[in-house]
């Protein structure tokens, strides 16, 4: 696994770093040891030299004192204390040098120096006693020969030893040891520097080698990953990476491929959703266009309706005004003439009132009608229907044929609103009279399927098949009806259906043919009422 290779490379670098650190510490310790030995050797050399110089100064002082008999105890004591201090310091340095010694030669030289220091300490003690004795027994000044002899006895001889030579040998030995210590210190520093440079070079070479190996191992997978991500960024979601190589790169390639598959699936879902939205938008747009078309058509129908309403209301109003003006114009008329004018005015007023009622009922048809249901026997209702039909046909000078009915049919009962039923019948009869071409009308009823069907049939212009399904729409009039009577409103049948539905009844129109090129047409309107006992449960 590539992760294990990384761990191994990091472990090697850590081990190499620790080796470098240990090497640096060891080299530092070795160099510090030799530097310390060199320092101790130089300090001992300086001590021996200072001891010899102070002894020589004390010798010169004593020679002057013997020649001049001028003794200065303070100078003597000072020189003696300095010599003792030098010997004490040399002893301490010898002990430290003994701790730092490593070879037999070092221990042998240290032993020689210890003997020399011991002899010099004895010499200093003897010298101090001799000088003290000489100071306590003053004598006349000595000549030069006696002075020199006395100085040699006191300073240069000690139990047959030549102290001057002994100090010179100690200084020479210490010079040799100091030079050797400095050389060893320099060699140790050079060796430490060389070792440190070697380990650093080896570390650099190893790091470069590991970097090259790891880079070559990572280059191809990273290039493939970069190419794949670039392709995804450009929208090529079909891009896939080969799942091969180290385990980590296999997992990475598998994750990348899963991501590409998810993105591809998401884009497909988004495109499908977009198409669905576009389809819905197209449907909504078509519905909106259809609604706009219907609104435009309704607007045109409304304008035509307003024109028809104006015409329908203006005609009876003009008739009323004209009759009144005629009655009032000229000389006084007889009561019969005034009565005739008033009857015509009343007739025109009734026509105007009927038109207004139709319009009001049409406007209120979207709201629940106020109905007054009651149980009425067909035997009581049939004469009322016949009377209504006779009155309308007589007023229009229209012939009417009433089909006889048997007594069993008259025993049925209806649960209806009488006024609304009579109004629906009036609308149907009015249309039959208007478009019946003065041909006889036929009215009758029958009981079928637990319903009473009242039928009114004319022999007029008929209705084209293409227009029959629109007859109950508000303001709609068939083309042949508009050609025959341009002043119609197209609201009668819509009102009739509203009145019948409010009573749980239905209105149907049957017109199998129409009058064309002199042929016979005809229309039958069926008003169906449920019989008592068969009406819907909510009729009551």
Protein backbone atom coordinates (compact mmCIF):
# COMPACT_ATOMS: atom_id res chain seq x y z
CA UNK A 1 0.00 0.00 0.00
CA UNK A 2 1.15 3.51 -0.77
CA UNK A 3 0.42 4.53 2.79
CA UNK A 4 2.93 1.97 4.09
CA UNK A 5 5.52 3.33 1.69
CA UNK A 6 4.93 6.82 3.02
CA UNK A 7 5.22 5.55 6.59
CA UNK A 8 8.47 3.75 5.70
CA UNK A 9 9.91 6.86 4.04
CA UNK A 10 8.99 9.02 7.02
CA UNK A 11 10.42 6.40 9.39
CA UNK A 12 13.71 6.37 7.47
CA UNK A 13 13.88 10.15 7.59
CA UNK A 14 13.13 10.12 11.32
CA UNK A 15 15.82 7.48 11.97
CA UNK A 16 18.30 9.42 9.88
CA UNK A 17 17.44 12.59 11.76
CA UNK A 18 17.96 10.80 15.08
CA UNK A 19 21.30 9.45 13.86
CA UNK A 20 22.33 12.95 12.83
CA UNK A 21 21.28 14.28 16.21
CA UNK A 22 23.13 11.49 18.06
CA UNK A 23 26.22 12.04 15.89
CA UNK A 24 26.11 15.76 16.53
CA UNK A 25 25.75 15.20 20.27
CA UNK A 26 28.61 12.66 20.30
CA UNK A 27 30.84 14.89 18.19
CA UNK A 28 30.05 17.80 20.43
CA UNK A 29 30.90 15.77 23.52
CA UNK A 30 34.19 14.52 22.00
CA UNK A 31 35.13 18.01 20.88
CA UNK A 32 34.15 19.46 24.23
CA UNK A 33 36.25 16.80 26.02
CA UNK A 34 39.37 17.55 24.00
CA UNK A 35 38.78 21.30 24.20
CA UNK A 36 38.45 20.99 27.97
CA UNK A 37 41.69 18.96 28.12
CA UNK A 38 43.43 21.61 26.01
CA UNK A 39 42.10 24.35 28.28
CA UNK A 40 43.25 22.53 31.43
CA UNK A 41 46.69 21.86 29.90
CA UNK A 42 47.09 25.50 28.91
CA UNK A 43 46.02 26.68 32.35
CA UNK A 44 48.53 24.29 34.00
CA UNK A 45 51.24 25.56 31.64
CA UNK A 46 50.37 29.12 32.56
CA UNK A 47 50.45 28.12 36.24
CA UNK A 48 53.92 26.59 35.99
CA UNK A 49 55.19 29.62 34.09
CA UNK A 50 53.68 32.01 36.63
CA UNK A 51 55.13 29.92 39.50
CA UNK A 52 58.58 30.07 37.94
CA UNK A 53 58.27 33.80 37.32
CA UNK A 54 57.15 34.54 40.91
CA UNK A 55 59.97 32.41 42.27
CA UNK A 56 62.43 34.29 40.08
CA UNK A 57 61.00 37.62 41.29
CA UNK A 58 61.31 36.47 44.89
CA UNK A 59 64.91 35.43 44.18
CA UNK A 60 65.71 38.84 42.75
CA UNK A 61 64.10 40.54 45.72
CA UNK A 62 66.08 38.42 48.16
CA UNK A 63 69.32 39.20 46.30
CA UNK A 64 68.65 42.90 46.61
CA UNK A 65 67.76 42.49 50.26
CA UNK A 66 70.99 40.57 51.00
CA UNK A 67 73.11 43.10 49.15
CA UNK A 68 71.49 46.15 50.72
CA UNK A 69 70.30 44.63 53.98
CA UNK A 70 66.92 46.22 53.18
CA UNK A 71 64.25 43.65 54.07
CA UNK A 72 60.63 44.34 52.99
CA UNK A 73 58.45 41.60 54.54
CA UNK A 74 55.35 42.63 52.66
CA UNK A 75 56.89 41.93 49.28
CA UNK A 76 58.14 38.56 50.45
CA UNK A 77 54.80 37.51 51.79
CA UNK A 78 53.05 38.59 48.63
CA UNK A 79 55.38 36.54 46.43
CA UNK A 80 55.05 33.54 48.70
CA UNK A 81 51.24 33.72 48.69
CA UNK A 82 51.20 33.97 44.89
CA UNK A 83 53.45 30.90 44.61
CA UNK A 84 51.22 28.93 47.01
CA UNK A 85 48.15 30.05 45.04
CA UNK A 86 49.77 28.86 41.79
CA UNK A 87 50.60 25.50 43.35
CA UNK A 88 47.06 25.12 44.69
CA UNK A 89 45.55 25.95 41.29
CA UNK A 90 47.96 23.52 39.58
CA UNK A 91 46.88 20.80 41.99
CA UNK A 92 43.21 21.39 41.16
CA UNK A 93 43.95 21.36 37.45
CA UNK A 94 45.92 18.11 37.84
CA UNK A 95 42.93 16.50 39.54
CA UNK A 96 40.64 17.64 36.71
CA UNK A 97 43.21 16.52 34.14
CA UNK A 98 43.31 13.15 35.83
CA UNK A 99 39.53 12.88 35.38
CA UNK A 100 39.85 13.71 31.67
CA UNK A 101 42.79 11.39 31.02
CA UNK A 102 42.16 8.42 28.73
CA UNK A 103 45.54 6.87 27.78
CA UNK A 104 48.42 5.45 29.93
CA UNK A 105 50.70 8.21 28.63
CA UNK A 106 48.29 10.77 30.05
CA UNK A 107 48.27 9.08 33.45
CA UNK A 108 52.11 8.82 33.44
CA UNK A 109 52.53 12.50 32.60
CA UNK A 110 50.03 13.45 35.30
CA UNK A 111 51.93 11.35 37.85
CA UNK A 112 55.18 13.10 36.90
CA UNK A 113 53.55 16.47 37.28
CA UNK A 114 52.07 15.49 40.65
CA UNK A 115 55.57 14.59 41.87
CA UNK A 116 56.94 17.87 40.55
CA UNK A 117 54.17 19.84 42.26
CA UNK A 118 54.77 17.97 45.52
CA UNK A 119 58.53 18.82 45.36
CA UNK A 120 57.71 22.45 44.57
CA UNK A 121 55.28 22.63 47.48
CA UNK A 122 58.01 21.31 49.79
CA UNK A 123 60.42 23.82 48.27
CA UNK A 124 58.02 26.68 48.88
CA UNK A 125 57.58 25.62 52.52
CA UNK A 126 61.34 25.33 53.00
CA UNK A 127 61.83 28.63 51.21
CA UNK A 128 59.31 30.30 53.48
CA UNK A 129 61.03 28.97 56.60
CA UNK A 130 64.47 30.00 55.35
CA UNK A 131 63.30 33.48 54.55
CA UNK A 132 61.60 33.77 57.91
CA UNK A 133 64.76 32.60 59.69
CA UNK A 134 66.88 35.02 57.71
CA UNK A 135 64.57 37.85 58.55
CA UNK A 136 64.66 37.07 62.32
CA UNK A 137 68.50 37.11 62.45
CA UNK A 138 69.64 40.27 60.73
CA UNK A 139 73.28 40.59 59.76
CA UNK A 140 75.52 42.87 57.81
CA UNK A 141 75.10 42.97 54.07
CA UNK A 142 76.81 40.15 52.17
CA UNK A 143 79.07 40.43 49.19
CA UNK A 144 78.00 39.21 45.76
CA UNK A 145 79.62 35.79 46.01
CA UNK A 146 78.07 35.03 49.35
CA UNK A 147 74.73 36.33 48.16
CA UNK A 148 74.75 34.13 45.07
CA UNK A 149 75.75 31.08 47.11
CA UNK A 150 72.97 31.69 49.60
CA UNK A 151 70.36 32.19 46.83
CA UNK A 152 71.36 28.94 45.16
CA UNK A 153 71.08 27.05 48.45
CA UNK A 154 67.68 28.52 49.22
CA UNK A 155 66.02 28.59 45.77
CA UNK A 156 67.69 26.05 43.49
CA UNK A 157 68.63 23.10 45.71
CA UNK A 158 66.35 20.92 47.74
CA UNK A 159 67.84 17.74 49.06
CA UNK A 160 70.12 17.50 46.06
CA UNK A 161 67.40 18.39 43.49
CA UNK A 162 67.85 21.17 40.94
CA UNK A 163 64.53 23.01 41.25
CA UNK A 164 65.19 25.23 38.30
CA UNK A 165 65.67 22.25 36.06
CA UNK A 166 62.65 20.59 37.64
CA UNK A 167 60.41 23.58 36.86
CA UNK A 168 61.78 23.79 33.34
CA UNK A 169 61.06 20.10 32.79
CA UNK A 170 57.53 20.53 34.16
CA UNK A 171 56.93 23.50 31.85
CA UNK A 172 58.33 21.60 28.86
CA UNK A 173 56.19 18.55 29.66
CA UNK A 174 53.10 20.66 30.07
CA UNK A 175 53.82 22.45 26.78
CA UNK A 176 53.98 19.08 25.05
CA UNK A 177 50.71 17.95 26.67
CA UNK A 178 49.02 21.25 25.83
CA UNK A 179 50.09 21.01 22.20
CA UNK A 180 48.92 17.40 22.06
CA UNK A 181 45.55 18.31 23.62
CA UNK A 182 45.06 21.14 21.13
CA UNK A 183 45.90 18.80 18.25
CA UNK A 184 43.46 16.19 19.55
CA UNK A 185 40.77 18.85 19.98
CA UNK A 186 41.32 20.09 16.44
CA UNK A 187 41.24 16.52 15.11
CA UNK A 188 38.05 15.80 17.05
CA UNK A 189 36.41 18.94 15.66
CA UNK A 190 37.50 18.02 12.15
CA UNK A 191 36.22 14.48 12.58
CA UNK A 192 32.89 15.72 14.00
CA UNK A 193 32.51 18.20 11.16
CA UNK A 194 33.29 15.51 8.59
CA UNK A 195 30.86 13.08 10.21
CA UNK A 196 28.15 15.73 10.40
CA UNK A 197 28.64 16.71 6.77
CA UNK A 198 28.59 13.05 5.75
CA UNK A 199 25.34 12.34 7.58
CA UNK A 200 23.77 15.51 6.19
CA UNK A 201 24.81 14.58 2.67
CA UNK A 202 23.50 11.07 3.12
CA UNK A 203 20.22 12.49 4.48
CA UNK A 204 19.88 14.84 1.53
CA UNK A 205 20.57 12.06 -0.96
CA UNK A 206 18.13 9.72 0.78
CA UNK A 207 15.45 12.45 0.94
CA UNK A 208 15.90 13.20 -2.75
CA UNK A 209 15.75 9.50 -3.60
CA UNK A 210 12.59 9.01 -1.52
CA UNK A 211 11.06 12.15 -3.06
CA UNK A 212 11.77 10.90 -6.58
CA UNK A 213 10.35 7.45 -5.79
CA UNK A 214 7.22 8.82 -4.13
CA UNK A 215 6.73 11.46 -6.84
CA UNK A 216 6.99 8.82 -9.57
CA UNK A 217 4.53 6.63 -7.66
CA UNK A 218 2.06 9.53 -7.27
CA UNK A 219 2.52 11.29 -10.61
CA UNK A 220 0.44 9.04 -12.86
CA UNK A 221 -2.55 8.66 -10.48
CA UNK A 222 -2.54 12.41 -9.77
CA UNK A 223 -2.39 13.21 -13.48
CA UNK A 224 -5.33 10.86 -14.10
CA UNK A 225 -7.25 12.46 -11.23
CA UNK A 226 -6.52 15.99 -12.55
CA UNK A 227 -7.60 14.99 -16.05
CA UNK A 228 -10.78 13.40 -14.65
CA UNK A 229 -11.70 16.45 -12.55
CA UNK A 230 -11.02 18.71 -15.54
CA UNK A 231 -13.33 16.57 -17.67
CA UNK A 232 -16.05 16.71 -15.00
CA UNK A 233 -15.67 20.48 -14.79
CA UNK A 234 -16.22 20.66 -18.56
CA UNK A 235 -19.39 18.58 -18.25
CA UNK A 236 -18.06 15.24 -19.54
CA UNK A 237 -19.74 13.16 -16.84
CA UNK A 238 -19.01 9.88 -18.62
CA UNK A 239 -15.35 10.14 -17.54
CA UNK A 240 -14.07 7.18 -15.48
CA UNK A 241 -10.66 6.49 -13.87
CA UNK A 242 -8.95 3.06 -14.05
CA UNK A 243 -9.09 1.32 -10.69
CA UNK A 244 -5.52 0.03 -10.55
CA UNK A 245 -2.26 0.62 -8.70
CA UNK A 246 -1.85 1.16 -4.97
CA UNK A 247 -4.83 0.52 -2.71
CA UNK A 248 -5.25 4.19 -1.84
CA UNK A 249 -5.37 5.21 -5.49
CA UNK A 250 -7.80 2.37 -6.22
CA UNK A 251 -10.11 3.67 -3.47
CA UNK A 252 -9.67 7.23 -4.76
CA UNK A 253 -10.47 6.17 -8.35
CA UNK A 254 -13.51 4.19 -7.15
CA UNK A 255 -14.76 7.21 -5.18
CA UNK A 256 -14.21 9.44 -8.21
CA UNK A 257 -16.12 7.03 -10.45
CA UNK A 258 -18.98 6.87 -7.93
CA UNK A 259 -19.04 10.66 -7.87
CA UNK A 260 -19.14 10.79 -11.67
CA UNK A 261 -21.98 8.25 -11.74
CA UNK A 262 -23.91 10.25 -9.14
CA UNK A 263 -23.38 13.47 -11.08
CA UNK A 264 -24.42 11.78 -14.33
CA UNK A 265 -27.54 10.37 -12.69
CA UNK A 266 -28.32 13.74 -11.11
CA UNK A 267 -27.93 15.50 -14.46
CA UNK A 268 -30.22 12.94 -16.12
CA UNK A 269 -32.79 13.46 -13.36
CA UNK A 270 -32.44 17.22 -13.72
CA UNK A 271 -32.92 17.00 -17.48
CA UNK A 272 -35.96 14.77 -17.00
CA UNK A 273 -37.30 17.18 -14.40
CA UNK A 274 -36.62 20.09 -16.75
CA UNK A 275 -38.47 18.34 -19.56
CA UNK A 276 -41.34 17.62 -17.21
CA UNK A 277 -41.41 21.25 -16.10
CA UNK A 278 -41.30 22.39 -19.73
CA UNK A 279 -44.17 20.02 -20.49
CA UNK A 280 -46.17 21.36 -17.54
CA UNK A 281 -45.33 24.93 -18.57
CA UNK A 282 -46.44 24.17 -22.13
CA UNK A 283 -49.68 22.68 -20.80
CA UNK A 284 -50.23 25.64 -18.50
CA UNK A 285 -49.42 27.99 -21.37
CA UNK A 286 -51.93 26.21 -23.58
CA UNK A 287 -54.49 26.37 -20.78
CA UNK A 288 -53.71 30.03 -20.27
CA UNK A 289 -54.04 30.70 -23.99
CA UNK A 290 -57.32 28.79 -23.98
CA UNK A 291 -58.48 30.80 -20.96
CA UNK A 292 -57.45 34.02 -22.69
CA UNK A 293 -59.31 32.90 -25.80
CA UNK A 294 -62.36 32.11 -23.71
CA UNK A 295 -62.08 35.44 -21.95
CA UNK A 296 -61.86 37.21 -25.29
CA UNK A 297 -64.83 35.24 -26.51
CA UNK A 298 -66.68 36.03 -23.30
CA UNK A 299 -65.82 39.68 -23.76
CA UNK A 300 -67.20 39.61 -27.28
CA UNK A 301 -70.30 37.80 -26.04
CA UNK A 302 -70.62 40.31 -23.23
CA UNK A 303 -70.44 43.20 -25.69
CA UNK A 304 -73.02 41.50 -27.89
CA UNK A 305 -75.14 40.78 -24.81
CA UNK A 306 -75.01 44.41 -23.74
CA UNK A 307 -76.04 45.43 -27.23
CA UNK A 308 -78.91 42.91 -27.18
CA UNK A 309 -79.95 44.02 -23.69
CA UNK A 310 -79.94 47.62 -24.81
CA UNK A 311 -82.06 46.71 -27.83
CA UNK A 312 -84.44 44.48 -25.85
CA UNK A 313 -84.97 47.06 -23.13
CA UNK A 314 -85.10 50.02 -25.50
CA UNK A 315 -87.88 48.51 -27.65
CA UNK A 316 -90.53 48.08 -24.89
CA UNK A 317 -89.47 51.35 -23.26
CA UNK A 318 -89.84 53.15 -26.61
CA UNK A 319 -93.21 51.47 -27.15
CA UNK A 320 -94.44 52.60 -23.72
CA UNK A 321 -93.30 56.15 -24.34
CA UNK A 322 -94.77 56.18 -27.82
CA UNK A 323 -98.17 54.92 -26.64
CA UNK A 324 -98.26 57.49 -23.88
CA UNK A 325 -97.33 60.33 -26.25
CA UNK A 326 -99.99 59.20 -28.77
CA UNK A 327 -102.60 59.05 -26.00
CA UNK A 328 -101.73 62.58 -24.86
CA UNK A 329 -101.37 64.12 -28.32
CA UNK A 330 -104.20 66.04 -29.90
CA UNK A 331 -107.73 66.47 -28.57
CA UNK A 332 -109.23 64.49 -25.75
CA UNK A 333 -110.11 60.93 -26.64
CA UNK A 334 -112.81 58.61 -25.52
CA UNK A 335 -112.43 56.31 -22.53
CA UNK A 336 -112.25 53.30 -24.84
CA UNK A 337 -109.31 54.83 -26.71
CA UNK A 338 -107.51 55.67 -23.46
CA UNK A 339 -108.20 52.17 -22.20
CA UNK A 340 -106.80 50.64 -25.40
CA UNK A 341 -103.64 52.78 -25.08
CA UNK A 342 -103.27 51.82 -21.44
CA UNK A 343 -103.65 48.13 -22.30
CA UNK A 344 -100.88 48.44 -24.89
CA UNK A 345 -98.73 50.26 -22.32
CA UNK A 346 -99.40 47.53 -19.76
CA UNK A 347 -98.53 44.87 -22.32
CA UNK A 348 -95.25 46.62 -23.16
CA UNK A 349 -94.53 47.09 -19.43
CA UNK A 350 -95.07 43.39 -18.83
CA UNK A 351 -92.68 42.60 -21.66
CA UNK A 352 -90.10 44.97 -20.16
CA UNK A 353 -90.61 43.49 -16.69
CA UNK A 354 -90.21 39.98 -18.11
CA UNK A 355 -86.91 40.94 -19.76
CA UNK A 356 -85.64 42.48 -16.51
CA UNK A 357 -86.67 39.39 -14.51
CA UNK A 358 -84.84 37.15 -16.96
CA UNK A 359 -81.69 39.21 -16.62
CA UNK A 360 -81.89 39.26 -12.82
CA UNK A 361 -82.45 35.54 -12.67
CA UNK A 362 -79.50 34.96 -15.01
CA UNK A 363 -77.27 37.12 -12.82
CA UNK A 364 -78.34 35.25 -9.68
CA UNK A 365 -78.09 31.80 -11.24
CA UNK A 366 -74.64 31.25 -9.71
CA UNK A 367 -76.18 31.60 -6.25
CA UNK A 368 -78.61 29.12 -4.64
CA UNK A 369 -82.18 29.91 -5.71
CA UNK A 370 -84.81 30.53 -3.07
CA UNK A 371 -87.27 27.70 -3.76
CA UNK A 372 -90.58 26.84 -2.15
CA UNK A 373 -91.15 23.13 -2.74
CA UNK A 374 -94.53 21.54 -2.25
CA UNK A 375 -96.29 18.31 -3.15
CA UNK A 376 -98.58 18.91 -6.13
CA UNK A 377 -100.79 16.36 -7.85
CA UNK A 378 -100.39 16.10 -11.59
CA UNK A 379 -104.18 16.36 -11.85
CA UNK A 380 -103.93 19.88 -10.37
CA UNK A 381 -100.75 20.82 -12.26
CA UNK A 382 -101.76 19.74 -15.79
CA UNK A 383 -104.61 22.28 -16.14
CA UNK A 384 -102.24 25.05 -15.06
CA UNK A 385 -99.72 24.04 -17.72
CA UNK A 386 -102.43 23.88 -20.37
CA UNK A 387 -103.76 27.31 -19.36
CA UNK A 388 -100.25 28.79 -19.49
CA UNK A 389 -99.67 27.35 -22.95
CA UNK A 390 -103.08 28.49 -24.24
CA UNK A 391 -102.55 32.01 -22.98
CA UNK A 392 -99.11 32.38 -24.59
CA UNK A 393 -100.21 30.83 -27.90
CA UNK A 394 -103.39 32.95 -28.01
CA UNK A 395 -101.40 36.12 -27.43
CA UNK A 396 -99.07 35.15 -30.28
CA UNK A 397 -101.91 33.85 -32.50
CA UNK A 398 -100.19 30.45 -32.45
CA UNK A 399 -102.11 27.16 -32.84
CA UNK A 400 -101.65 24.64 -30.01
CA UNK A 401 -102.45 20.91 -29.93
CA UNK A 402 -102.66 19.31 -26.48
CA UNK A 403 -102.22 15.56 -26.41
CA UNK A 404 -104.84 13.80 -24.24
CA UNK A 405 -103.64 11.94 -21.13
CA UNK A 406 -105.17 9.03 -19.28
CA UNK A 407 -106.49 9.26 -15.76
CA UNK A 408 -103.78 6.97 -14.28
CA UNK A 409 -101.09 9.43 -15.23
CA UNK A 410 -102.97 12.25 -13.50
CA UNK A 411 -102.79 10.35 -10.19
CA UNK A 412 -99.02 10.97 -9.89
CA UNK A 413 -97.52 13.63 -7.59
CA UNK A 414 -94.56 15.99 -8.04
CA UNK A 415 -92.48 17.78 -5.39
CA UNK A 416 -91.64 21.08 -7.13
CA UNK A 417 -91.64 24.88 -6.90
CA UNK A 418 -94.72 25.85 -8.90
CA UNK A 419 -93.58 29.35 -9.83
CA UNK A 420 -90.15 28.19 -11.08
CA UNK A 421 -91.81 25.34 -13.03
CA UNK A 422 -94.24 27.75 -14.70
CA UNK A 423 -91.34 30.08 -15.54
CA UNK A 424 -89.36 27.25 -17.17
CA UNK A 425 -92.47 26.24 -19.19
CA UNK A 426 -92.95 29.89 -20.25
CA UNK A 427 -89.34 30.04 -21.57
CA UNK A 428 -89.78 26.83 -23.59
CA UNK A 429 -93.13 27.96 -25.03
CA UNK A 430 -91.72 31.39 -25.87
CA UNK A 431 -88.84 29.79 -27.87
CA UNK A 432 -91.28 27.41 -29.60
CA UNK A 433 -93.53 30.34 -30.60
CA UNK A 434 -90.58 32.49 -31.75
CA UNK A 435 -88.95 29.86 -33.95
CA UNK A 436 -92.02 27.72 -34.84
CA UNK A 437 -92.78 29.63 -38.02
CA UNK A 438 -96.47 30.01 -36.95
CA UNK A 439 -96.99 26.27 -37.35
CA UNK A 440 -99.02 24.40 -34.72
CA UNK A 441 -97.32 23.43 -31.45
CA UNK A 442 -97.93 20.16 -29.67
CA UNK A 443 -97.80 19.66 -25.89
CA UNK A 444 -98.22 16.52 -23.79
CA UNK A 445 -96.58 14.43 -21.12
CA UNK A 446 -95.85 10.87 -20.24
CA UNK A 447 -94.48 8.89 -17.29
CA UNK A 448 -91.30 6.88 -17.93
CA UNK A 449 -88.63 5.55 -15.60
CA UNK A 450 -90.29 7.04 -12.52
CA UNK A 451 -90.23 10.49 -14.15
CA UNK A 452 -92.78 12.76 -15.69
CA UNK A 453 -91.66 14.14 -19.05
CA UNK A 454 -93.45 17.22 -20.33
CA UNK A 455 -92.84 17.66 -24.06
CA UNK A 456 -93.32 20.77 -26.28
CA UNK A 457 -92.79 20.19 -29.99
CA UNK A 458 -92.67 22.76 -32.77
CA UNK A 459 -92.26 22.46 -36.53
CA UNK A 460 -89.94 25.40 -36.91
CA UNK A 461 -86.41 26.03 -38.07
CA UNK A 462 -84.81 23.26 -36.05
CA UNK A 463 -81.25 23.23 -34.65
CA UNK A 464 -78.07 22.23 -36.43
CA UNK A 465 -76.31 19.18 -34.86
CA UNK A 466 -73.08 21.15 -34.40
CA UNK A 467 -74.89 23.76 -32.26
CA UNK A 468 -77.02 21.46 -30.11
CA UNK A 469 -74.35 20.86 -27.42
CA UNK A 470 -73.96 24.66 -26.91
CA UNK A 471 -77.62 25.57 -26.58
CA UNK A 472 -77.52 25.80 -22.77
CA UNK A 473 -74.53 28.15 -22.68
CA UNK A 474 -75.26 31.74 -21.77
CA UNK A 475 -75.61 34.17 -24.65
CA UNK A 476 -75.27 31.42 -27.26
CA UNK A 477 -77.64 31.43 -30.24
CA UNK A 478 -77.57 29.19 -33.25
CA UNK A 479 -76.81 30.80 -36.56
CA UNK A 480 -80.28 30.15 -38.08
CA UNK A 481 -81.87 31.60 -34.92
CA UNK A 482 -79.80 34.79 -35.20
CA UNK A 483 -80.72 35.09 -38.89
CA UNK A 484 -84.42 34.72 -38.10
CA UNK A 485 -84.53 36.92 -34.96
CA UNK A 486 -81.46 39.17 -34.46
CA UNK A 487 -82.91 40.68 -31.28
CA UNK A 488 -82.59 37.57 -29.09
CA UNK A 489 -80.40 37.41 -25.94
CA UNK A 490 -79.51 33.73 -25.83
CA UNK A 491 -80.32 33.40 -22.13
CA UNK A 492 -83.70 31.62 -22.15
CA UNK A 493 -82.49 28.01 -22.31
CA UNK A 494 -79.67 28.72 -19.81
CA UNK A 495 -82.32 30.03 -17.38
CA UNK A 496 -84.55 27.04 -18.08
CA UNK A 497 -81.79 24.56 -17.27
CA UNK A 498 -80.93 26.46 -14.06
CA UNK A 499 -84.56 26.35 -12.93
CA UNK A 500 -84.91 22.65 -13.73
CA UNK A 501 -81.67 21.64 -12.03
CA UNK A 502 -82.70 23.53 -8.91
CA UNK A 503 -85.78 21.25 -8.76
CA UNK A 504 -83.69 18.10 -9.44
CA UNK A 505 -85.11 17.92 -12.94
CA UNK A 506 -83.58 18.03 -16.40
CA UNK A 507 -84.19 19.71 -19.74
CA UNK A 508 -83.38 17.98 -23.04
CA UNK A 509 -83.63 19.11 -26.66
CA UNK A 510 -84.22 16.80 -29.62
CA UNK A 511 -83.89 18.25 -33.12
CA UNK A 512 -83.23 15.51 -35.68
CA UNK A 513 -83.52 17.81 -38.67
CA UNK A 514 -83.72 21.48 -39.61
CA UNK A 515 -85.48 23.53 -42.19
CA UNK A 516 -83.23 23.85 -45.22
CA UNK A 517 -84.26 24.79 -48.76
CA UNK A 518 -87.94 24.73 -47.83
CA UNK A 519 -87.81 21.36 -45.98
CA UNK A 520 -89.43 20.71 -42.58
CA UNK A 521 -87.42 21.00 -39.35
CA UNK A 522 -88.65 20.70 -35.82
CA UNK A 523 -87.54 20.71 -32.18
CA UNK A 524 -88.81 18.84 -29.13
CA UNK A 525 -88.02 20.06 -25.62
CA UNK A 526 -88.42 17.56 -22.74
CA UNK A 527 -88.86 18.85 -19.17
CA UNK A 528 -88.32 15.88 -16.82
CA UNK A 529 -89.48 15.91 -13.15
CA UNK A 530 -88.91 13.12 -10.59
CA UNK A 531 -92.12 11.62 -9.21
CA UNK A 532 -92.78 11.75 -5.50
CA UNK A 533 -91.10 8.78 -3.81
CA UNK A 534 -88.32 8.63 -6.43
CA UNK A 535 -86.76 12.04 -5.92
CA UNK A 536 -83.22 12.42 -4.45
CA UNK A 537 -82.89 12.09 -0.71
CA UNK A 538 -81.92 15.74 -0.21
CA UNK A 539 -85.02 17.06 -2.09
CA UNK A 540 -86.86 17.54 1.18
